[in-house]
Amino acid sequence: MTACDYLEGKVLDHVLRNAAYTQPTGLWLALHTADPTEAGNIAEVVGGSYGRQAINFNPQVNGTAASSNGQNFTNMPNVTITHFTIKDAQTTGTGNSLFWGVLSIVRNLSAGDPLSFAAGQILISCD
């Protein structure tokens, strides 16, 4: 998992320039069919009933925070999912990408398939 350009800039300004950074009011898990890059805005899934899912995190332990709730995507399109991002907005095509990462297992879905991630399955690390 890597911080996206938007968050990197906000953290640098907050720490080095004492510029305020307002914590997002919510976080959402978004899925991607290709590397979204550090911009975090490439190849988000579209179709079926896909929609970003709310995600929360436990306090970090040794530089890693694990998701504290599960996410359930239903009625997915025919798609291969390779990456994910953590966003600060629920609606596809809006908001900022905060983190991005590669799925440990590529998910090949047929139209109508569900996809779930259990609590603790999404990890955010800083090294």
C-alpha atoms as a PDB file:
ATOM      1  CA  MET A   1       0.000   0.000   0.000  1.00  0.00           C
ATOM      2  CA  THR A   2       1.362   3.377  -1.012  1.00  0.00           C
ATOM      3  CA  ALA A   3       0.180   6.882  -0.198  1.00  0.00           C
ATOM      4  CA  CYS A   4      -1.281   8.718  -3.188  1.00  0.00           C
ATOM      5  CA  ASP A   5       0.049  12.050  -4.462  1.00  0.00           C
ATOM      6  CA  TYR A   6      -2.833  14.008  -2.912  1.00  0.00           C
ATOM      7  CA  LEU A   7      -2.207  12.670   0.618  1.00  0.00           C
ATOM      8  CA  GLU A   8       1.568  12.988   0.335  1.00  0.00           C
ATOM      9  CA  GLY A   9       1.188  16.680  -0.477  1.00  0.00           C
ATOM     10  CA  LYS A  10      -1.259  17.255   2.377  1.00  0.00           C
ATOM     11  CA  VAL A  11       1.017  15.517   4.924  1.00  0.00           C
ATOM     12  CA  LEU A  12       4.084  17.451   3.773  1.00  0.00           C
ATOM     13  CA  ASP A  13       2.255  20.780   3.992  1.00  0.00           C
ATOM     14  CA  HIS A  14       0.765  19.861   7.376  1.00  0.00           C
ATOM     15  CA  VAL A  15       4.065  18.786   8.953  1.00  0.00           C
ATOM     16  CA  LEU A  16       6.513  21.152   7.252  1.00  0.00           C
ATOM     17  CA  ARG A  17       4.409  24.266   6.745  1.00  0.00           C
ATOM     18  CA  ASN A  18       1.905  23.982   9.614  1.00  0.00           C
ATOM     19  CA  ALA A  19      -0.916  23.981   7.045  1.00  0.00           C
ATOM     20  CA  ALA A  20      -4.179  22.533   8.341  1.00  0.00           C
ATOM     21  CA  TYR A  21      -5.287  19.156   7.020  1.00  0.00           C
ATOM     22  CA  THR A  22      -8.867  18.202   7.747  1.00  0.00           C
ATOM     23  CA  GLN A  23      -9.405  14.499   8.275  1.00  0.00           C
ATOM     24  CA  PRO A  24     -11.966  12.987   5.868  1.00  0.00           C
ATOM     25  CA  THR A  25     -15.410  12.400   7.340  1.00  0.00           C
ATOM     26  CA  GLY A  26     -15.443   8.910   5.824  1.00  0.00           C
ATOM     27  CA  LEU A  27     -13.294   6.457   3.903  1.00  0.00           C
ATOM     28  CA  TRP A  28     -14.295   4.179   1.034  1.00  0.00           C
ATOM     29  CA  LEU A  29     -12.706   1.163  -0.612  1.00  0.00           C
ATOM     30  CA  ALA A  30     -12.594   1.423  -4.411  1.00  0.00           C
ATOM     31  CA  LEU A  31     -11.606  -1.380  -6.801  1.00  0.00           C
ATOM     32  CA  HIS A  32      -9.536  -1.071  -9.998  1.00  0.00           C
ATOM     33  CA  THR A  33      -8.929  -3.129 -13.125  1.00  0.00           C
ATOM     34  CA  ALA A  34      -5.370  -1.799 -13.577  1.00  0.00           C
ATOM     35  CA  ASP A  35      -2.717   0.092 -11.614  1.00  0.00           C
ATOM     36  CA  PRO A  36      -4.370   3.353 -10.488  1.00  0.00           C
ATOM     37  CA  THR A  37      -0.870   4.882 -10.039  1.00  0.00           C
ATOM     38  CA  GLU A  38      -0.023   7.351  -7.291  1.00  0.00           C
ATOM     39  CA  ALA A  39      -2.679   9.632  -8.746  1.00  0.00           C
ATOM     40  CA  GLY A  40      -5.129   6.903  -7.720  1.00  0.00           C
ATOM     41  CA  ASN A  41      -7.644   7.698 -10.412  1.00  0.00           C
ATOM     42  CA  ILE A  42      -7.115   5.171 -13.213  1.00  0.00           C
ATOM     43  CA  ALA A  43      -9.348   2.218 -14.135  1.00  0.00           C
ATOM     44  CA  GLU A  44     -11.898   2.179 -11.310  1.00  0.00           C
ATOM     45  CA  VAL A  45     -14.499  -0.550 -11.827  1.00  0.00           C
ATOM     46  CA  VAL A  46     -17.745   0.459 -13.556  1.00  0.00           C
ATOM     47  CA  GLY A  47     -20.897  -1.498 -14.261  1.00  0.00           C
ATOM     48  CA  GLY A  48     -23.117  -3.973 -12.492  1.00  0.00           C
ATOM     49  CA  SER A  49     -24.076  -2.649  -9.066  1.00  0.00           C
ATOM     50  CA  TYR A  50     -20.499  -1.655  -8.245  1.00  0.00           C
ATOM     51  CA  GLY A  51     -20.157   1.139  -5.735  1.00  0.00           C
ATOM     52  CA  ARG A  52     -17.422   2.085  -3.299  1.00  0.00           C
ATOM     53  CA  GLN A  53     -17.808   0.499   0.126  1.00  0.00           C
ATOM     54  CA  ALA A  54     -17.323   2.207   3.508  1.00  0.00           C
ATOM     55  CA  ILE A  55     -14.135   1.136   5.282  1.00  0.00           C
ATOM     56  CA  ASN A  56     -12.863   1.832   8.797  1.00  0.00           C
ATOM     57  CA  PHE A  57      -9.510   1.045  10.397  1.00  0.00           C
ATOM     58  CA  ASN A  58      -8.258  -0.099  13.770  1.00  0.00           C
ATOM     59  CA  PRO A  59      -5.493   1.924  15.450  1.00  0.00           C
ATOM     60  CA  GLN A  60      -2.106   1.208  13.883  1.00  0.00           C
ATOM     61  CA  VAL A  61       0.206  -1.336  15.471  1.00  0.00           C
ATOM     62  CA  ASN A  62       3.894  -1.143  14.528  1.00  0.00           C
ATOM     63  CA  GLY A  63       3.133   1.074  11.529  1.00  0.00           C
ATOM     64  CA  THR A  64       0.252  -1.003  10.117  1.00  0.00           C
ATOM     65  CA  ALA A  65      -3.489  -0.333  10.374  1.00  0.00           C
ATOM     66  CA  ALA A  66      -5.967  -3.112   9.543  1.00  0.00           C
ATOM     67  CA  SER A  67      -9.534  -2.625   8.364  1.00  0.00           C
ATOM     68  CA  SER A  68     -12.016  -3.002  11.212  1.00  0.00           C
ATOM     69  CA  ASN A  69     -15.086  -3.816   9.117  1.00  0.00           C
ATOM     70  CA  GLY A  70     -15.865  -5.981   6.118  1.00  0.00           C
ATOM     71  CA  GLN A  71     -16.820  -4.740   2.649  1.00  0.00           C
ATOM     72  CA  ASN A  72     -19.359  -6.478   0.414  1.00  0.00           C
ATOM     73  CA  PHE A  73     -19.596  -5.656  -3.268  1.00  0.00           C
ATOM     74  CA  THR A  74     -22.664  -7.210  -4.907  1.00  0.00           C
ATOM     75  CA  ASN A  75     -23.740  -7.852  -8.499  1.00  0.00           C
ATOM     76  CA  MET A  76     -20.322  -7.025  -9.934  1.00  0.00           C
ATOM     77  CA  PRO A  77     -19.748  -6.726 -13.692  1.00  0.00           C
ATOM     78  CA  ASN A  78     -17.641  -9.178 -15.680  1.00  0.00           C
ATOM     79  CA  VAL A  79     -14.253  -7.840 -14.572  1.00  0.00           C
ATOM     80  CA  THR A  80     -10.727  -8.623 -13.411  1.00  0.00           C
ATOM     81  CA  ILE A  81      -9.761  -6.665 -10.303  1.00  0.00           C
ATOM     82  CA  THR A  82      -6.063  -6.133  -9.646  1.00  0.00           C
ATOM     83  CA  HIS A  83      -5.771  -3.033  -7.411  1.00  0.00           C
ATOM     84  CA  PHE A  84      -7.619  -0.990  -4.826  1.00  0.00           C
ATOM     85  CA  THR A  85      -7.612   2.535  -3.446  1.00  0.00           C
ATOM     86  CA  ILE A  86      -8.837   4.177  -0.270  1.00  0.00           C
ATOM     87  CA  LYS A  87     -10.875   7.276  -1.174  1.00  0.00           C
ATOM     88  CA  ASP A  88     -12.333  10.191   0.786  1.00  0.00           C
ATOM     89  CA  ALA A  89     -15.620  10.197  -1.165  1.00  0.00           C
ATOM     90  CA  GLN A  90     -18.288   7.575  -1.723  1.00  0.00           C
ATOM     91  CA  THR A  91     -19.329   8.432  -5.277  1.00  0.00           C
ATOM     92  CA  THR A  92     -17.306   6.948  -8.139  1.00  0.00           C
ATOM     93  CA  GLY A  93     -15.411   9.652 -10.022  1.00  0.00           C
ATOM     94  CA  THR A  94     -15.317  12.038  -7.053  1.00  0.00           C
ATOM     95  CA  GLY A  95     -13.053  12.787  -4.121  1.00  0.00           C
ATOM     96  CA  ASN A  96      -9.387  12.153  -3.539  1.00  0.00           C
ATOM     97  CA  SER A  97      -7.346   8.972  -3.457  1.00  0.00           C
ATOM     98  CA  LEU A  98      -5.429   8.563  -0.215  1.00  0.00           C
ATOM     99  CA  PHE A  99      -3.757   5.142  -0.583  1.00  0.00           C
ATOM    100  CA  TRP A 100      -3.462   2.538  -3.322  1.00  0.00           C
ATOM    101  CA  GLY A 101      -2.298  -1.052  -3.431  1.00  0.00           C
ATOM    102  CA  VAL A 102      -2.165  -4.326  -5.334  1.00  0.00           C
ATOM    103  CA  LEU A 103      -4.513  -7.140  -4.400  1.00  0.00           C
ATOM    104  CA  SER A 104      -2.572 -10.159  -3.167  1.00  0.00           C
ATOM    105  CA  ILE A 105      -4.870 -12.313  -5.333  1.00  0.00           C
ATOM    106  CA  VAL A 106      -6.240 -11.077  -8.669  1.00  0.00           C
ATOM    107  CA  ARG A 107     -10.021 -11.440  -8.628  1.00  0.00           C
ATOM    108  CA  ASN A 108     -11.653 -12.619 -11.868  1.00  0.00           C
ATOM    109  CA  LEU A 109     -15.395 -12.069 -11.591  1.00  0.00           C
ATOM    110  CA  SER A 110     -18.287 -13.003 -13.827  1.00  0.00           C
ATOM    111  CA  ALA A 111     -21.277 -10.694 -14.194  1.00  0.00           C
ATOM    112  CA  GLY A 112     -23.406 -10.866 -11.060  1.00  0.00           C
ATOM    113  CA  ASP A 113     -20.674 -12.250  -8.786  1.00  0.00           C
ATOM    114  CA  PRO A 114     -20.202 -10.784  -5.313  1.00  0.00           C
ATOM    115  CA  LEU A 115     -16.830  -9.870  -3.831  1.00  0.00           C
ATOM    116  CA  SER A 116     -16.161  -9.525  -0.114  1.00  0.00           C
ATOM    117  CA  PHE A 117     -13.236  -8.484   2.047  1.00  0.00           C
ATOM    118  CA  ALA A 118     -13.287  -9.494   5.709  1.00  0.00           C
ATOM    119  CA  ALA A 119     -12.331  -7.199   8.576  1.00  0.00           C
ATOM    120  CA  GLY A 120      -8.545  -7.185   8.863  1.00  0.00           C
ATOM    121  CA  GLN A 121      -7.992  -8.066   5.206  1.00  0.00           C
ATOM    122  CA  ILE A 122      -7.148  -4.522   4.032  1.00  0.00           C
ATOM    123  CA  LEU A 123      -3.857  -3.309   5.524  1.00  0.00           C
ATOM    124  CA  ILE A 124      -2.293   0.142   5.351  1.00  0.00           C
ATOM    125  CA  SER A 125       1.400   0.375   6.271  1.00  0.00           C
ATOM    126  CA  CYS A 126       3.960   3.116   6.633  1.00  0.00           C
ATOM    127  CA  ASP A 127       7.639   2.255   6.660  1.00  0.00           C
END
